[in-house]
Amino acid sequence: MRYEEKAKLAAVKALVPVALLACSPVLLIAGAPIRRRYLRYVYRDGAPQILDKERGRVSVHYFVATNLLLRWLCRPTETLSCLVSRRGRETNRAS
């Protein structure tokens, strides 16, 4: 999408939070692995840039990757996975 396409940018900005809210039950249960996998896919080697200022293009992935709602919905599972990984390390050290 080009920067000049204001209508498309506005539509994407409005629809990304709606899509995230529709997926919120899944994100609350399994958000951390989904978000990690998605970001790995977006920022992989050889992938097109999500924000290309030289060509005046922005990708839909930019709005998803920088969305605060996605980060908030994935927070519970990220916190839980950190707690589980710490506990696993503590029990391994005690053994």
Protein backbone atom coordinates (compact mmCIF):
# COMPACT_ATOMS: atom_id res chain seq x y z
CA MET A 1 0.00 0.00 0.00
CA ARG A 2 1.27 3.45 -0.78
CA TYR A 3 1.36 6.27 1.75
CA GLU A 4 -0.83 8.35 -0.54
CA GLU A 5 -3.70 5.86 -0.35
CA LYS A 6 -5.29 7.51 2.69
CA ALA A 7 -8.60 5.61 2.46
CA LYS A 8 -6.90 2.21 2.45
CA LEU A 9 -4.64 3.17 5.35
CA ALA A 10 -7.61 4.37 7.38
CA ALA A 11 -9.53 1.17 6.66
CA VAL A 12 -6.60 -1.00 7.70
CA LYS A 13 -6.06 1.04 10.88
CA ALA A 14 -9.72 0.56 11.76
CA LEU A 15 -9.98 -3.13 10.85
CA VAL A 16 -6.81 -4.42 12.55
CA PRO A 17 -8.17 -3.85 16.10
CA VAL A 18 -11.51 -5.38 15.08
CA ALA A 19 -9.74 -8.48 13.80
CA LEU A 20 -7.64 -8.69 16.95
CA LEU A 21 -10.73 -8.45 19.14
CA ALA A 22 -12.36 -11.22 17.11
CA CYS A 23 -9.28 -13.38 17.74
CA SER A 24 -8.91 -12.31 21.38
CA PRO A 25 -9.99 -15.63 22.97
CA VAL A 26 -7.33 -17.47 21.01
CA LEU A 27 -4.71 -14.80 21.73
CA LEU A 28 -5.47 -14.87 25.45
CA ILE A 29 -4.96 -18.65 25.55
CA ALA A 30 -2.07 -19.08 23.09
CA GLY A 31 -0.97 -15.55 22.23
CA ALA A 32 2.75 -15.71 22.98
CA PRO A 33 3.64 -18.53 20.57
CA ILE A 34 1.36 -17.13 17.88
CA ARG A 35 2.86 -13.63 18.19
CA ARG A 36 6.45 -14.97 18.20
CA ARG A 37 5.80 -17.06 15.10
CA TYR A 38 4.08 -14.18 13.33
CA LEU A 39 6.91 -11.74 14.07
CA ARG A 40 9.48 -14.31 12.96
CA TYR A 41 7.58 -14.65 9.68
CA VAL A 42 7.31 -10.89 9.14
CA TYR A 43 10.97 -10.15 9.94
CA ARG A 44 12.52 -13.23 8.28
CA ASP A 45 15.48 -12.93 5.91
CA GLY A 46 14.40 -12.14 2.39
CA ALA A 47 10.98 -10.83 3.42
CA PRO A 48 9.82 -7.52 1.99
CA GLN A 49 10.14 -4.62 4.40
CA ILE A 50 7.00 -3.78 6.30
CA LEU A 51 7.80 -0.08 6.11
CA ASP A 52 9.67 1.07 3.01
CA LYS A 53 10.13 4.83 3.19
CA GLU A 54 12.23 5.02 0.02
CA ARG A 55 9.42 3.62 -2.13
CA GLY A 56 6.63 5.17 -0.05
CA ARG A 57 5.06 1.82 0.84
CA VAL A 58 3.67 0.42 4.05
CA SER A 59 2.53 -3.15 4.63
CA VAL A 60 -0.50 -4.32 6.58
CA HIS A 61 1.96 -6.23 8.76
CA TYR A 62 3.25 -2.89 10.06
CA PHE A 63 -0.10 -2.10 11.66
CA VAL A 64 -0.38 -5.56 13.19
CA ALA A 65 3.20 -5.79 14.47
CA THR A 66 3.06 -2.35 16.10
CA ASN A 67 -0.45 -2.68 17.53
CA LEU A 68 -0.60 -2.23 21.29
CA LEU A 69 -3.77 -4.34 21.56
CA LEU A 70 -1.92 -7.37 20.19
CA ARG A 71 0.79 -6.90 22.79
CA TRP A 72 -1.79 -6.62 25.59
CA LEU A 73 -3.72 -9.70 24.47
CA CYS A 74 -0.54 -11.77 24.34
CA ARG A 75 0.75 -10.58 27.73
CA PRO A 76 -0.95 -13.27 29.90
CA THR A 77 0.55 -16.19 28.00
CA GLU A 78 3.95 -14.48 27.77
CA THR A 79 3.95 -14.00 31.54
CA LEU A 80 2.84 -17.58 32.10
CA SER A 81 5.50 -18.97 29.79
CA CYS A 82 8.18 -16.94 31.61
CA LEU A 83 7.01 -18.30 34.96
CA VAL A 84 7.00 -21.88 33.69
CA SER A 85 10.45 -21.55 32.15
CA ARG A 86 11.87 -20.10 35.40
CA ARG A 87 10.33 -22.90 37.45
CA GLY A 88 11.76 -25.45 35.05
CA ARG A 89 15.22 -24.00 35.48
CA GLU A 90 14.88 -23.94 39.28
CA THR A 91 13.84 -27.60 39.48
CA ASN A 92 16.66 -28.62 37.15
CA ARG A 93 19.18 -26.85 39.39
CA ALA A 94 17.77 -28.47 42.52
CA SER A 95 18.10 -31.96 41.04
